[in-house]
């Protein structure tokens, strides 16, 4: 598993995060895909050795080039993708793994997924973006009105009844 053994404890100086894709696949032709038993074993073993293990949404990881962030195109070769911007042929799984690494790094550094790996509307905007720059723009207007009235009521009560500090 690690270094060709059943596993070695992670040293304190090692900065390692193990990431597992959360997609579930069903084999159409050929042998059935592995169920969660191996994955469960692997996660338990890695965590017992002190490694951080987390899951990642694989959305768009095999659709965008990790170098230039452009969409890639299928080729006639099995599992190969062509980036017309970089003029590079990618093996699909290698490209997806590089994009997952970038996603995890972005989560660790910026607490969000890279924009090029997030879903967009047809007009190029992101579903969670709003024209309003208000931090409460994601809250429905009825809730904002209720919170505003509750806040003004609390302020009124504080003005009427001084608080001893």
N, C-alpha and C. Protein backbone atom coordinates (compact mmCIF):
# COMPACT_ATOMS: atom_id res chain seq x y z
N UNK A 1 0.82 -1.19 0.00
CA UNK A 1 0.00 0.00 0.00
C UNK A 1 0.87 1.26 0.00
N UNK A 2 1.74 1.41 0.96
CA UNK A 2 2.64 2.56 1.02
C UNK A 2 4.05 2.03 0.94
N UNK A 3 4.80 2.45 -0.07
CA UNK A 3 6.17 1.98 -0.20
C UNK A 3 6.26 0.48 -0.44
N UNK A 4 5.23 -0.12 -1.01
CA UNK A 4 5.26 -1.55 -1.31
C UNK A 4 4.98 -2.44 -0.12
N UNK A 5 4.58 -1.89 1.01
CA UNK A 5 4.27 -2.70 2.19
C UNK A 5 2.78 -2.60 2.47
N UNK A 6 2.35 -3.26 3.52
CA UNK A 6 0.95 -3.17 3.92
C UNK A 6 0.65 -1.81 4.52
N UNK A 7 1.69 -1.03 4.75
CA UNK A 7 1.48 0.33 5.23
C UNK A 7 2.47 0.73 6.30
N UNK A 8 2.91 1.94 6.22
CA UNK A 8 3.79 2.52 7.23
C UNK A 8 3.11 3.74 7.79
N UNK A 9 3.30 3.97 9.09
CA UNK A 9 2.71 5.15 9.71
C UNK A 9 3.25 6.41 9.04
N UNK A 10 2.39 7.39 8.90
CA UNK A 10 2.80 8.67 8.35
C UNK A 10 3.70 9.37 9.35
N UNK A 11 4.83 9.87 8.86
CA UNK A 11 5.73 10.64 9.72
C UNK A 11 5.16 12.04 9.90
N UNK A 12 5.48 12.67 11.00
CA UNK A 12 4.97 14.01 11.31
C UNK A 12 5.37 15.03 10.25
N UNK A 13 6.53 14.84 9.62
CA UNK A 13 7.00 15.82 8.63
C UNK A 13 6.38 15.60 7.25
N UNK A 14 5.63 14.52 7.06
CA UNK A 14 4.98 14.25 5.78
C UNK A 14 3.66 15.00 5.68
N UNK A 15 3.50 15.75 4.62
CA UNK A 15 2.26 16.48 4.35
C UNK A 15 1.53 15.71 3.24
N UNK A 16 0.64 14.80 3.62
CA UNK A 16 -0.02 13.93 2.66
C UNK A 16 -1.52 13.98 2.86
N UNK A 17 -2.25 14.12 1.75
CA UNK A 17 -3.71 14.01 1.75
C UNK A 17 -4.05 12.98 0.69
N UNK A 18 -4.81 11.96 1.06
CA UNK A 18 -5.26 10.95 0.11
C UNK A 18 -6.68 11.32 -0.29
N UNK A 19 -6.91 11.42 -1.60
CA UNK A 19 -8.21 11.83 -2.11
C UNK A 19 -8.81 10.70 -2.92
N UNK A 20 -10.08 10.42 -2.66
CA UNK A 20 -10.80 9.36 -3.36
C UNK A 20 -12.01 9.97 -4.05
N UNK A 21 -12.18 9.67 -5.33
CA UNK A 21 -13.35 10.16 -6.06
C UNK A 21 -14.62 9.54 -5.50
N UNK A 22 -15.68 10.33 -5.43
CA UNK A 22 -16.93 9.87 -4.84
C UNK A 22 -17.90 9.28 -5.86
N UNK A 23 -17.54 9.27 -7.14
CA UNK A 23 -18.45 8.74 -8.16
C UNK A 23 -18.61 7.23 -7.98
N UNK A 24 -19.80 6.75 -8.27
CA UNK A 24 -20.09 5.32 -8.24
C UNK A 24 -20.37 4.88 -9.67
N UNK A 25 -19.64 3.89 -10.14
CA UNK A 25 -19.78 3.43 -11.52
C UNK A 25 -20.33 2.02 -11.56
N UNK A 26 -21.07 1.74 -12.61
CA UNK A 26 -21.60 0.40 -12.85
C UNK A 26 -21.00 -0.08 -14.17
N UNK A 27 -20.39 -1.25 -14.15
CA UNK A 27 -19.79 -1.79 -15.37
C UNK A 27 -20.89 -2.23 -16.32
N UNK A 28 -20.82 -1.77 -17.58
CA UNK A 28 -21.82 -2.14 -18.57
C UNK A 28 -21.43 -3.44 -19.27
N UNK A 29 -20.19 -3.52 -19.71
CA UNK A 29 -19.70 -4.71 -20.38
C UNK A 29 -18.46 -5.19 -19.66
N UNK A 30 -18.40 -6.45 -19.37
CA UNK A 30 -17.22 -6.98 -18.70
C UNK A 30 -17.49 -7.24 -17.23
N UNK A 31 -16.41 -7.42 -16.46
CA UNK A 31 -16.57 -7.77 -15.05
C UNK A 31 -17.19 -6.61 -14.26
N UNK A 32 -17.92 -6.94 -13.20
CA UNK A 32 -18.55 -5.88 -12.41
C UNK A 32 -17.51 -5.01 -11.72
N UNK A 33 -17.85 -3.74 -11.52
CA UNK A 33 -16.92 -2.85 -10.83
C UNK A 33 -16.89 -3.22 -9.35
N UNK A 34 -15.80 -2.84 -8.69
CA UNK A 34 -15.66 -3.15 -7.27
C UNK A 34 -16.72 -2.42 -6.46
N UNK A 35 -17.24 -3.09 -5.47
CA UNK A 35 -18.17 -2.41 -4.58
C UNK A 35 -17.36 -1.61 -3.56
N UNK A 36 -18.01 -1.07 -2.58
CA UNK A 36 -17.33 -0.22 -1.61
C UNK A 36 -16.47 -0.95 -0.61
N UNK A 37 -16.41 -2.30 -0.65
CA UNK A 37 -15.67 -3.03 0.38
C UNK A 37 -14.17 -2.73 0.32
N UNK A 38 -13.57 -2.71 -0.87
CA UNK A 38 -12.15 -2.39 -0.95
C UNK A 38 -11.90 -0.94 -0.54
N UNK A 39 -12.75 -0.06 -1.02
CA UNK A 39 -12.60 1.36 -0.67
C UNK A 39 -12.70 1.55 0.85
N UNK A 40 -13.66 0.88 1.48
CA UNK A 40 -13.81 0.98 2.94
C UNK A 40 -12.55 0.47 3.64
N UNK A 41 -12.03 -0.67 3.18
CA UNK A 41 -10.80 -1.23 3.76
C UNK A 41 -9.65 -0.24 3.62
N UNK A 42 -9.49 0.30 2.41
CA UNK A 42 -8.39 1.22 2.13
C UNK A 42 -8.47 2.46 3.02
N UNK A 43 -9.66 3.05 3.14
CA UNK A 43 -9.83 4.26 3.96
C UNK A 43 -9.53 3.96 5.42
N UNK A 44 -10.05 2.85 5.94
CA UNK A 44 -9.79 2.49 7.35
C UNK A 44 -8.29 2.28 7.58
N UNK A 45 -7.64 1.57 6.66
CA UNK A 45 -6.21 1.29 6.81
C UNK A 45 -5.39 2.58 6.75
N UNK A 46 -5.66 3.42 5.77
CA UNK A 46 -4.90 4.67 5.62
C UNK A 46 -5.09 5.58 6.84
N UNK A 47 -6.31 5.70 7.31
CA UNK A 47 -6.56 6.55 8.49
C UNK A 47 -5.90 5.98 9.73
N UNK A 48 -5.86 4.65 9.86
CA UNK A 48 -5.21 4.04 11.03
C UNK A 48 -3.70 4.31 11.02
N UNK A 49 -3.16 4.57 9.83
CA UNK A 49 -1.73 4.87 9.71
C UNK A 49 -1.45 6.37 9.80
N UNK A 50 -2.48 7.16 10.08
CA UNK A 50 -2.29 8.59 10.30
C UNK A 50 -2.46 9.47 9.08
N UNK A 51 -2.94 8.92 7.98
CA UNK A 51 -3.13 9.71 6.77
C UNK A 51 -4.50 10.38 6.78
N UNK A 52 -4.57 11.57 6.18
CA UNK A 52 -5.84 12.26 6.00
C UNK A 52 -6.45 11.73 4.71
N UNK A 53 -7.68 11.23 4.78
CA UNK A 53 -8.37 10.69 3.61
C UNK A 53 -9.66 11.47 3.44
N UNK A 54 -9.90 11.98 2.23
CA UNK A 54 -11.14 12.70 1.99
C UNK A 54 -11.68 12.33 0.61
N UNK A 55 -12.97 12.54 0.43
CA UNK A 55 -13.62 12.28 -0.84
C UNK A 55 -13.72 13.56 -1.65
N UNK A 56 -13.83 13.42 -2.96
CA UNK A 56 -13.95 14.60 -3.82
C UNK A 56 -14.98 14.34 -4.90
N UNK A 57 -15.76 15.36 -5.21
CA UNK A 57 -16.70 15.30 -6.32
C UNK A 57 -15.88 15.37 -7.60
N UNK A 58 -16.06 14.41 -8.48
CA UNK A 58 -15.25 14.33 -9.69
C UNK A 58 -15.79 15.17 -10.84
N UNK A 59 -16.76 16.04 -10.57
CA UNK A 59 -17.39 16.84 -11.61
C UNK A 59 -16.36 17.60 -12.44
N UNK A 60 -16.43 17.46 -13.74
CA UNK A 60 -15.61 18.17 -14.73
C UNK A 60 -14.14 17.78 -14.75
N UNK A 61 -13.70 16.86 -13.90
CA UNK A 61 -12.27 16.58 -13.84
C UNK A 61 -11.74 15.93 -15.12
N UNK A 62 -12.61 15.27 -15.88
CA UNK A 62 -12.16 14.67 -17.15
C UNK A 62 -12.69 15.45 -18.35
N UNK A 63 -13.11 16.69 -18.14
CA UNK A 63 -13.63 17.52 -19.23
C UNK A 63 -12.78 18.75 -19.52
N UNK A 64 -11.92 19.14 -18.55
CA UNK A 64 -11.13 20.37 -18.70
C UNK A 64 -9.65 20.07 -18.58
N UNK A 65 -8.84 20.76 -19.35
CA UNK A 65 -7.38 20.59 -19.32
C UNK A 65 -6.84 21.20 -18.03
N UNK A 66 -6.02 20.47 -17.27
CA UNK A 66 -5.48 21.02 -16.03
C UNK A 66 -4.43 22.12 -16.25
N UNK A 67 -3.87 22.21 -17.46
CA UNK A 67 -2.85 23.23 -17.73
C UNK A 67 -3.45 24.57 -18.16
N UNK A 68 -4.42 24.53 -19.08
CA UNK A 68 -4.97 25.79 -19.61
C UNK A 68 -6.45 25.99 -19.25
N UNK A 69 -7.08 24.99 -18.65
CA UNK A 69 -8.48 25.05 -18.19
C UNK A 69 -9.50 25.02 -19.34
N UNK A 70 -9.07 24.76 -20.57
CA UNK A 70 -9.98 24.67 -21.71
C UNK A 70 -10.67 23.32 -21.73
N UNK A 71 -11.80 23.25 -22.44
CA UNK A 71 -12.45 21.96 -22.64
C UNK A 71 -11.58 21.10 -23.54
N UNK A 72 -11.63 19.79 -23.32
CA UNK A 72 -10.87 18.85 -24.14
C UNK A 72 -11.85 18.08 -25.03
N UNK A 73 -11.32 17.44 -26.06
CA UNK A 73 -12.13 16.73 -27.04
C UNK A 73 -11.74 15.26 -27.07
N UNK A 74 -12.74 14.42 -27.32
CA UNK A 74 -12.47 12.99 -27.44
C UNK A 74 -11.67 12.73 -28.71
N UNK A 75 -10.84 11.69 -28.65
CA UNK A 75 -10.07 11.27 -29.82
C UNK A 75 -10.54 9.87 -30.20
N UNK A 76 -9.93 9.34 -31.25
CA UNK A 76 -10.28 7.98 -31.66
C UNK A 76 -9.64 6.95 -30.73
N UNK A 77 -8.59 7.36 -30.02
CA UNK A 77 -7.93 6.46 -29.08
C UNK A 77 -8.79 6.30 -27.83
N UNK A 78 -8.79 5.09 -27.27
CA UNK A 78 -9.58 4.79 -26.09
C UNK A 78 -9.07 5.57 -24.89
N UNK A 79 -9.95 6.31 -24.22
CA UNK A 79 -9.66 7.10 -23.03
C UNK A 79 -8.63 8.20 -23.24
N UNK A 80 -8.48 8.66 -24.47
CA UNK A 80 -7.56 9.76 -24.75
C UNK A 80 -8.36 11.00 -25.10
N UNK A 81 -7.86 12.15 -24.65
CA UNK A 81 -8.54 13.42 -24.88
C UNK A 81 -7.54 14.43 -25.43
N UNK A 82 -8.01 15.31 -26.30
CA UNK A 82 -7.16 16.27 -26.99
C UNK A 82 -7.47 17.69 -26.50
N UNK A 83 -6.44 18.40 -26.07
CA UNK A 83 -6.58 19.82 -25.73
C UNK A 83 -6.08 20.61 -26.94
N UNK A 84 -7.00 21.28 -27.63
CA UNK A 84 -6.61 22.02 -28.83
C UNK A 84 -5.85 23.29 -28.48
N UNK A 85 -5.98 23.79 -27.27
CA UNK A 85 -5.24 25.00 -26.86
C UNK A 85 -3.78 24.67 -26.60
N UNK A 86 -3.54 23.65 -25.76
CA UNK A 86 -2.16 23.24 -25.43
C UNK A 86 -1.55 22.34 -26.50
N UNK A 87 -2.42 21.77 -27.35
CA UNK A 87 -2.01 20.81 -28.37
C UNK A 87 -1.36 19.59 -27.71
N UNK A 88 -2.07 19.05 -26.71
CA UNK A 88 -1.59 17.91 -25.94
C UNK A 88 -2.68 16.84 -25.93
N UNK A 89 -2.25 15.58 -26.03
CA UNK A 89 -3.18 14.46 -25.85
C UNK A 89 -3.03 13.98 -24.41
N UNK A 90 -4.14 13.92 -23.71
CA UNK A 90 -4.16 13.47 -22.32
C UNK A 90 -4.77 12.09 -22.22
N UNK A 91 -4.23 11.26 -21.35
CA UNK A 91 -4.93 10.05 -20.95
C UNK A 91 -5.98 10.51 -19.95
N UNK A 92 -7.22 10.12 -20.15
CA UNK A 92 -8.35 10.65 -19.39
C UNK A 92 -8.15 10.58 -17.88
N UNK A 93 -7.72 9.43 -17.36
CA UNK A 93 -7.60 9.26 -15.91
C UNK A 93 -6.45 10.07 -15.32
N UNK A 94 -5.37 10.22 -16.08
CA UNK A 94 -4.24 11.05 -15.62
C UNK A 94 -4.68 12.50 -15.53
N UNK A 95 -5.40 12.96 -16.55
CA UNK A 95 -5.89 14.34 -16.56
C UNK A 95 -6.86 14.58 -15.40
N UNK A 96 -7.76 13.63 -15.16
CA UNK A 96 -8.71 13.76 -14.06
C UNK A 96 -7.98 13.81 -12.71
N UNK A 97 -6.95 12.99 -12.56
CA UNK A 97 -6.18 12.98 -11.31
C UNK A 97 -5.48 14.32 -11.09
N UNK A 98 -4.93 14.91 -12.16
CA UNK A 98 -4.29 16.22 -12.03
C UNK A 98 -5.31 17.28 -11.63
N UNK A 99 -6.50 17.22 -12.22
CA UNK A 99 -7.55 18.18 -11.86
C UNK A 99 -8.02 17.98 -10.42
N UNK A 100 -8.09 16.74 -9.97
CA UNK A 100 -8.47 16.49 -8.57
C UNK A 100 -7.42 17.04 -7.62
N UNK A 101 -6.14 16.90 -7.99
CA UNK A 101 -5.07 17.48 -7.17
C UNK A 101 -5.22 18.99 -7.08
N UNK A 102 -5.53 19.63 -8.21
CA UNK A 102 -5.73 21.08 -8.20
C UNK A 102 -6.94 21.46 -7.35
N UNK A 103 -8.00 20.65 -7.40
CA UNK A 103 -9.20 20.95 -6.60
C UNK A 103 -8.89 20.85 -5.11
N UNK A 104 -8.17 19.81 -4.70
CA UNK A 104 -7.82 19.65 -3.28
C UNK A 104 -6.90 20.78 -2.84
N UNK A 105 -5.91 21.11 -3.66
CA UNK A 105 -5.00 22.20 -3.31
C UNK A 105 -5.78 23.51 -3.15
N UNK A 106 -6.73 23.75 -4.03
CA UNK A 106 -7.54 24.97 -3.95
C UNK A 106 -8.40 24.97 -2.69
N UNK A 107 -8.97 23.79 -2.34
CA UNK A 107 -9.74 23.70 -1.10
C UNK A 107 -8.86 24.02 0.11
N UNK A 108 -7.65 23.49 0.12
CA UNK A 108 -6.75 23.71 1.26
C UNK A 108 -6.30 25.17 1.36
N UNK A 109 -6.04 25.81 0.23
CA UNK A 109 -5.51 27.17 0.24
C UNK A 109 -6.59 28.25 0.26
N UNK A 110 -7.71 28.00 -0.46
CA UNK A 110 -8.71 29.06 -0.65
C UNK A 110 -10.11 28.67 -0.17
N UNK A 111 -10.28 27.46 0.31
CA UNK A 111 -11.57 26.96 0.81
C UNK A 111 -12.65 26.90 -0.27
N UNK A 112 -12.25 26.73 -1.53
CA UNK A 112 -13.23 26.58 -2.60
C UNK A 112 -12.59 25.82 -3.77
N UNK A 113 -13.44 25.29 -4.61
CA UNK A 113 -13.01 24.56 -5.79
C UNK A 113 -12.60 25.57 -6.87
N UNK A 114 -11.61 25.24 -7.71
CA UNK A 114 -11.25 26.17 -8.80
C UNK A 114 -12.45 26.45 -9.70
N UNK A 115 -12.56 27.68 -10.17
CA UNK A 115 -13.72 28.05 -10.99
C UNK A 115 -13.85 27.20 -12.25
N UNK A 116 -12.73 26.83 -12.87
CA UNK A 116 -12.83 26.07 -14.11
C UNK A 116 -13.39 24.66 -13.90
N UNK A 117 -13.45 24.20 -12.65
CA UNK A 117 -14.01 22.88 -12.36
C UNK A 117 -15.41 22.98 -11.75
N UNK A 118 -16.04 24.15 -11.86
CA UNK A 118 -17.38 24.34 -11.33
C UNK A 118 -18.38 24.49 -12.47
N UNK A 119 -19.64 24.09 -12.23
CA UNK A 119 -20.65 24.18 -13.29
C UNK A 119 -20.98 25.64 -13.62
N UNK A 120 -21.23 25.91 -14.90
CA UNK A 120 -21.60 27.25 -15.35
C UNK A 120 -22.93 27.20 -16.09
N UNK A 121 -23.62 28.33 -16.07
CA UNK A 121 -24.82 28.48 -16.90
C UNK A 121 -24.37 28.68 -18.35
N UNK A 122 -25.32 28.64 -19.27
CA UNK A 122 -24.98 28.82 -20.68
C UNK A 122 -24.45 30.22 -20.96
N UNK A 123 -24.82 31.21 -20.13
CA UNK A 123 -24.31 32.58 -20.34
C UNK A 123 -22.94 32.80 -19.69
N UNK A 124 -22.36 31.74 -19.09
CA UNK A 124 -21.03 31.83 -18.51
C UNK A 124 -20.99 32.23 -17.04
N UNK A 125 -22.15 32.50 -16.44
CA UNK A 125 -22.18 32.85 -15.02
C UNK A 125 -22.30 31.59 -14.18
N UNK A 126 -22.05 31.74 -12.90
CA UNK A 126 -22.13 30.61 -11.98
C UNK A 126 -23.45 30.68 -11.22
N UNK A 127 -24.09 29.53 -10.96
CA UNK A 127 -25.42 29.51 -10.35
C UNK A 127 -25.52 30.26 -9.02
N UNK A 128 -24.47 30.30 -8.24
CA UNK A 128 -24.55 30.93 -6.92
C UNK A 128 -24.26 32.43 -6.96
N UNK A 129 -23.79 32.93 -8.10
CA UNK A 129 -23.51 34.35 -8.20
C UNK A 129 -24.81 35.13 -8.34
N UNK A 130 -24.82 36.33 -7.77
CA UNK A 130 -25.99 37.19 -7.84
C UNK A 130 -25.51 38.58 -8.20
N UNK A 131 -26.37 39.37 -8.80
CA UNK A 131 -25.99 40.74 -9.14
C UNK A 131 -25.74 41.56 -7.88
N UNK A 132 -26.40 41.19 -6.79
CA UNK A 132 -26.24 41.91 -5.53
C UNK A 132 -24.92 41.53 -4.90
N UNK A 133 -24.23 42.50 -4.34
CA UNK A 133 -22.97 42.21 -3.65
C UNK A 133 -23.19 42.01 -2.17
N UNK A 134 -24.45 41.96 -1.75
CA UNK A 134 -24.77 41.79 -0.34
C UNK A 134 -24.39 40.40 0.12
N UNK A 135 -23.78 40.26 1.30
CA UNK A 135 -23.43 38.93 1.79
C UNK A 135 -24.66 38.09 2.08
N UNK A 136 -25.82 38.73 2.23
CA UNK A 136 -27.05 37.99 2.53
C UNK A 136 -27.85 37.72 1.27
N UNK A 137 -27.26 37.89 0.08
CA UNK A 137 -28.01 37.75 -1.16
C UNK A 137 -28.51 36.32 -1.39
N UNK A 138 -27.91 35.34 -0.73
CA UNK A 138 -28.36 33.96 -0.89
C UNK A 138 -29.55 33.64 0.00
N UNK A 139 -29.93 34.57 0.89
CA UNK A 139 -31.06 34.36 1.80
C UNK A 139 -32.32 34.86 1.10
N UNK A 140 -33.42 34.09 1.10
CA UNK A 140 -34.66 34.54 0.47
C UNK A 140 -35.12 35.88 1.06
N UNK A 141 -35.78 36.70 0.22
CA UNK A 141 -36.16 38.04 0.66
C UNK A 141 -37.10 38.01 1.86
N UNK A 142 -37.99 37.02 1.95
CA UNK A 142 -38.90 36.95 3.11
C UNK A 142 -38.11 36.75 4.40
N UNK A 143 -37.05 35.94 4.35
CA UNK A 143 -36.21 35.74 5.54
C UNK A 143 -35.44 37.00 5.88
N UNK A 144 -34.95 37.72 4.83
CA UNK A 144 -34.22 38.96 5.09
C UNK A 144 -35.13 39.98 5.76
N UNK A 145 -36.40 40.08 5.28
CA UNK A 145 -37.34 41.03 5.89
C UNK A 145 -37.61 40.67 7.34
N UNK A 146 -37.82 39.37 7.60
CA UNK A 146 -38.09 38.93 8.97
C UNK A 146 -36.90 39.23 9.87
N UNK A 147 -35.68 38.93 9.39
CA UNK A 147 -34.49 39.20 10.19
C UNK A 147 -34.31 40.70 10.43
N UNK A 148 -34.61 41.51 9.42
CA UNK A 148 -34.49 42.96 9.59
C UNK A 148 -35.47 43.45 10.65
N UNK A 149 -36.71 42.94 10.63
CA UNK A 149 -37.69 43.37 11.63
C UNK A 149 -37.29 42.88 13.02
N UNK A 150 -36.73 41.65 13.11
CA UNK A 150 -36.28 41.15 14.41
C UNK A 150 -35.12 41.99 14.93
N UNK A 151 -34.21 42.37 14.04
CA UNK A 151 -33.07 43.20 14.44
C UNK A 151 -33.54 44.56 14.93
N UNK A 152 -34.48 45.18 14.21
CA UNK A 152 -34.96 46.50 14.64
C UNK A 152 -35.70 46.39 15.96
N UNK A 153 -36.41 45.30 16.22
CA UNK A 153 -37.10 45.10 17.49
C UNK A 153 -36.09 44.99 18.63
N UNK A 154 -35.02 44.24 18.42
CA UNK A 154 -33.98 44.09 19.44
C UNK A 154 -33.32 45.44 19.71
N UNK A 155 -33.01 46.20 18.64
CA UNK A 155 -32.40 47.52 18.83
C UNK A 155 -33.33 48.44 19.62
N UNK A 156 -34.63 48.38 19.34
CA UNK A 156 -35.62 49.20 20.06
C UNK A 156 -35.64 48.83 21.54
N UNK A 157 -35.63 47.52 21.84
CA UNK A 157 -35.64 47.07 23.23
C UNK A 157 -34.38 47.52 23.96
N UNK A 158 -33.24 47.50 23.29
CA UNK A 158 -31.99 47.93 23.92
C UNK A 158 -32.00 49.43 24.21
N UNK A 159 -32.60 50.22 23.32
CA UNK A 159 -32.68 51.66 23.56
C UNK A 159 -33.58 51.96 24.75
N UNK A 160 -34.68 51.19 24.87
CA UNK A 160 -35.64 51.43 25.96
C UNK A 160 -35.10 50.95 27.30
N UNK A 161 -34.33 49.90 27.29
CA UNK A 161 -33.84 49.32 28.54
C UNK A 161 -32.32 49.27 28.49
N UNK A 162 -31.65 50.20 29.15
CA UNK A 162 -30.19 50.20 29.14
C UNK A 162 -29.63 48.93 29.77
N UNK A 163 -28.52 48.49 29.24
CA UNK A 163 -27.87 47.28 29.74
C UNK A 163 -26.69 47.69 30.60
N UNK A 164 -26.63 47.15 31.82
CA UNK A 164 -25.51 47.45 32.72
C UNK A 164 -24.33 46.58 32.35
N UNK A 165 -23.19 47.19 32.22
CA UNK A 165 -21.99 46.43 31.88
C UNK A 165 -21.11 46.24 33.08
